[in-house]
Amino acid sequence: MSESDLLEIIDKFDAVICGDDGFSERVLTHAQRLKVISKWGTGIDSIDVPVAKRFGVHVCNTPNAFTNAVADTTLGYCLDLCRGLSSMNADMHTGGWSKQRHSLLAS
């Protein structure tokens, strides 16, 4: 949620589970009931942690929440780049069917 969206509702909550919602100083100033912000994920860069601490709002996250997904995606991109899968897929969708020699695998 954006800052303006949060400003409309934040005063109604004691706790929040958030994604990349913007908990700025302005939002936290209006969050009179808020006691905890729990980030569904690892990065808390969208939360002004020093201000939250000043207002007594505990900020926590979920370390390693996406470790397997990131590893899988990285391996997938490695295979895609080595084999040229994305370009072959795009070629096929436009009616092509070219055989490509991949310099990373060629000896």
C-alpha atoms as a PDB file:
ATOM      1  CA  MET A   1       0.000   0.000   0.000  1.00  0.00           C
ATOM      2  CA  SER A   2       1.098   3.532  -0.631  1.00  0.00           C
ATOM      3  CA  GLU A   3       1.594   6.101   2.097  1.00  0.00           C
ATOM      4  CA  SER A   4      -1.731   7.772   1.274  1.00  0.00           C
ATOM      5  CA  ASP A   5      -3.574   4.430   1.394  1.00  0.00           C
ATOM      6  CA  LEU A   6      -2.048   3.574   4.758  1.00  0.00           C
ATOM      7  CA  LEU A   7      -2.855   6.998   6.197  1.00  0.00           C
ATOM      8  CA  GLU A   8      -6.558   6.332   5.636  1.00  0.00           C
ATOM      9  CA  ILE A   9      -6.635   3.137   7.715  1.00  0.00           C
ATOM     10  CA  ILE A  10      -3.533   2.768   9.900  1.00  0.00           C
ATOM     11  CA  ASP A  11      -5.136   4.201  13.036  1.00  0.00           C
ATOM     12  CA  LYS A  12      -7.441   1.145  13.231  1.00  0.00           C
ATOM     13  CA  PHE A  13      -4.755  -1.517  13.697  1.00  0.00           C
ATOM     14  CA  ASP A  14      -2.694  -2.909  16.571  1.00  0.00           C
ATOM     15  CA  ALA A  15      -0.546  -5.089  14.290  1.00  0.00           C
ATOM     16  CA  VAL A  16       0.214  -5.349  10.588  1.00  0.00           C
ATOM     17  CA  ILE A  17       1.576  -8.074   8.337  1.00  0.00           C
ATOM     18  CA  CYS A  18       2.974  -6.248   5.333  1.00  0.00           C
ATOM     19  CA  GLY A  19       4.765  -6.708   2.052  1.00  0.00           C
ATOM     20  CA  ASP A  20       6.426  -3.649   0.543  1.00  0.00           C
ATOM     21  CA  ASP A  21       3.963  -1.220   2.086  1.00  0.00           C
ATOM     22  CA  GLY A  22       5.453   2.185   2.859  1.00  0.00           C
ATOM     23  CA  PHE A  23       5.630   2.722   6.604  1.00  0.00           C
ATOM     24  CA  SER A  24       7.098   6.212   6.560  1.00  0.00           C
ATOM     25  CA  GLU A  25       7.432   8.595   9.494  1.00  0.00           C
ATOM     26  CA  ARG A  26       4.161  10.212   8.441  1.00  0.00           C
ATOM     27  CA  VAL A  27       2.315   6.870   8.510  1.00  0.00           C
ATOM     28  CA  LEU A  28       3.856   5.833  11.823  1.00  0.00           C
ATOM     29  CA  THR A  29       2.892   9.174  13.365  1.00  0.00           C
ATOM     30  CA  HIS A  30      -0.766   8.372  12.587  1.00  0.00           C
ATOM     31  CA  ALA A  31      -0.491   4.753  13.812  1.00  0.00           C
ATOM     32  CA  GLN A  32      -1.516   5.450  17.400  1.00  0.00           C
ATOM     33  CA  ARG A  33      -2.544   1.840  18.170  1.00  0.00           C
ATOM     34  CA  LEU A  34       0.213   0.064  16.244  1.00  0.00           C
ATOM     35  CA  LYS A  35       2.486  -2.225  18.286  1.00  0.00           C
ATOM     36  CA  VAL A  36       4.091  -4.477  15.657  1.00  0.00           C
ATOM     37  CA  ILE A  37       4.861  -4.544  11.940  1.00  0.00           C
ATOM     38  CA  SER A  38       5.710  -8.001  10.661  1.00  0.00           C
ATOM     39  CA  LYS A  39       7.241  -8.074   7.196  1.00  0.00           C
ATOM     40  CA  TRP A  40       6.288 -11.069   5.056  1.00  0.00           C
ATOM     41  CA  GLY A  41       9.751 -11.433   3.572  1.00  0.00           C
ATOM     42  CA  THR A  42      13.245 -10.378   4.481  1.00  0.00           C
ATOM     43  CA  GLY A  43      13.803  -6.746   3.453  1.00  0.00           C
ATOM     44  CA  ILE A  44      12.452  -4.039   5.720  1.00  0.00           C
ATOM     45  CA  ASP A  45      13.630  -1.084   3.638  1.00  0.00           C
ATOM     46  CA  SER A  46      10.064   0.168   3.149  1.00  0.00           C
ATOM     47  CA  ILE A  47       9.709   0.632   6.918  1.00  0.00           C
ATOM     48  CA  ASP A  48      11.269   3.572   8.724  1.00  0.00           C
ATOM     49  CA  VAL A  49      12.698   1.390  11.497  1.00  0.00           C
ATOM     50  CA  PRO A  50      14.245   4.174  13.638  1.00  0.00           C
ATOM     51  CA  VAL A  51      10.913   6.017  13.709  1.00  0.00           C
ATOM     52  CA  ALA A  52       9.022   2.806  14.460  1.00  0.00           C
ATOM     53  CA  LYS A  53      11.396   2.155  17.354  1.00  0.00           C
ATOM     54  CA  ARG A  54      10.898   5.715  18.617  1.00  0.00           C
ATOM     55  CA  PHE A  55       7.132   5.095  18.720  1.00  0.00           C
ATOM     56  CA  GLY A  56       7.550   1.691  20.396  1.00  0.00           C
ATOM     57  CA  VAL A  57       6.522  -0.289  17.311  1.00  0.00           C
ATOM     58  CA  HIS A  58       8.363  -3.604  17.026  1.00  0.00           C
ATOM     59  CA  VAL A  59       9.500  -4.433  13.476  1.00  0.00           C
ATOM     60  CA  CYS A  60      10.208  -8.026  12.501  1.00  0.00           C
ATOM     61  CA  ASN A  61      10.657 -10.002   9.299  1.00  0.00           C
ATOM     62  CA  THR A  62      10.836 -13.606   8.107  1.00  0.00           C
ATOM     63  CA  PRO A  63      14.479 -14.459   7.399  1.00  0.00           C
ATOM     64  CA  ASN A  64      15.069 -17.136   4.761  1.00  0.00           C
ATOM     65  CA  ALA A  65      11.445 -16.888   3.617  1.00  0.00           C
ATOM     66  CA  PHE A  66      12.407 -17.038  -0.045  1.00  0.00           C
ATOM     67  CA  THR A  67      15.719 -18.918   0.050  1.00  0.00           C
ATOM     68  CA  ASN A  68      14.513 -21.908  -1.997  1.00  0.00           C
ATOM     69  CA  ALA A  69      12.565 -19.786  -4.472  1.00  0.00           C
ATOM     70  CA  VAL A  70      15.560 -17.510  -5.090  1.00  0.00           C
ATOM     71  CA  ALA A  71      17.865 -20.508  -5.522  1.00  0.00           C
ATOM     72  CA  ASP A  72      15.436 -22.148  -7.961  1.00  0.00           C
ATOM     73  CA  THR A  73      15.057 -18.934  -9.945  1.00  0.00           C
ATOM     74  CA  THR A  74      18.819 -18.412 -10.088  1.00  0.00           C
ATOM     75  CA  LEU A  75      19.363 -21.930 -11.387  1.00  0.00           C
ATOM     76  CA  GLY A  76      16.572 -21.407 -13.918  1.00  0.00           C
ATOM     77  CA  TYR A  77      18.175 -18.205 -15.195  1.00  0.00           C
ATOM     78  CA  CYS A  78      21.547 -19.946 -15.453  1.00  0.00           C
ATOM     79  CA  LEU A  79      20.014 -22.678 -17.602  1.00  0.00           C
ATOM     80  CA  ASP A  80      18.108 -20.124 -19.664  1.00  0.00           C
ATOM     81  CA  LEU A  81      21.242 -18.091 -20.350  1.00  0.00           C
ATOM     82  CA  CYS A  82      23.411 -21.121 -21.118  1.00  0.00           C
ATOM     83  CA  ARG A  83      20.888 -22.700 -23.479  1.00  0.00           C
ATOM     84  CA  GLY A  84      19.254 -19.571 -24.908  1.00  0.00           C
ATOM     85  CA  LEU A  85      15.784 -20.774 -23.951  1.00  0.00           C
ATOM     86  CA  SER A  86      14.121 -17.351 -23.848  1.00  0.00           C
ATOM     87  CA  SER A  87      15.331 -16.341 -27.304  1.00  0.00           C
ATOM     88  CA  MET A  88      14.375 -19.737 -28.784  1.00  0.00           C
ATOM     89  CA  ASN A  89      10.932 -19.441 -27.175  1.00  0.00           C
ATOM     90  CA  ALA A  90      10.444 -15.932 -28.599  1.00  0.00           C
ATOM     91  CA  ASP A  91      11.608 -17.150 -32.011  1.00  0.00           C
ATOM     92  CA  MET A  92       9.181 -20.078 -31.918  1.00  0.00           C
ATOM     93  CA  HIS A  93       6.264 -17.799 -30.980  1.00  0.00           C
ATOM     94  CA  THR A  94       6.891 -15.751 -34.114  1.00  0.00           C
ATOM     95  CA  GLY A  95       6.932 -18.877 -36.297  1.00  0.00           C
ATOM     96  CA  GLY A  96      10.661 -19.540 -36.238  1.00  0.00           C
ATOM     97  CA  TRP A  97      12.491 -22.701 -35.372  1.00  0.00           C
ATOM     98  CA  SER A  98      16.184 -21.982 -35.513  1.00  0.00           C
ATOM     99  CA  LYS A  99      18.888 -24.173 -34.119  1.00  0.00           C
ATOM    100  CA  GLN A 100      21.368 -22.080 -32.225  1.00  0.00           C
ATOM    101  CA  ARG A 101      24.931 -22.805 -31.316  1.00  0.00           C
ATOM    102  CA  HIS A 102      25.645 -21.593 -27.806  1.00  0.00           C
ATOM    103  CA  SER A 103      29.149 -20.277 -27.306  1.00  0.00           C
ATOM    104  CA  LEU A 104      29.049 -21.038 -23.575  1.00  0.00           C
ATOM    105  CA  LEU A 105      28.657 -24.745 -24.305  1.00  0.00           C
ATOM    106  CA  ALA A 106      30.630 -24.985 -27.540  1.00  0.00           C
ATOM    107  CA  SER A 107      34.154 -26.280 -27.314  1.00  0.00           C
END
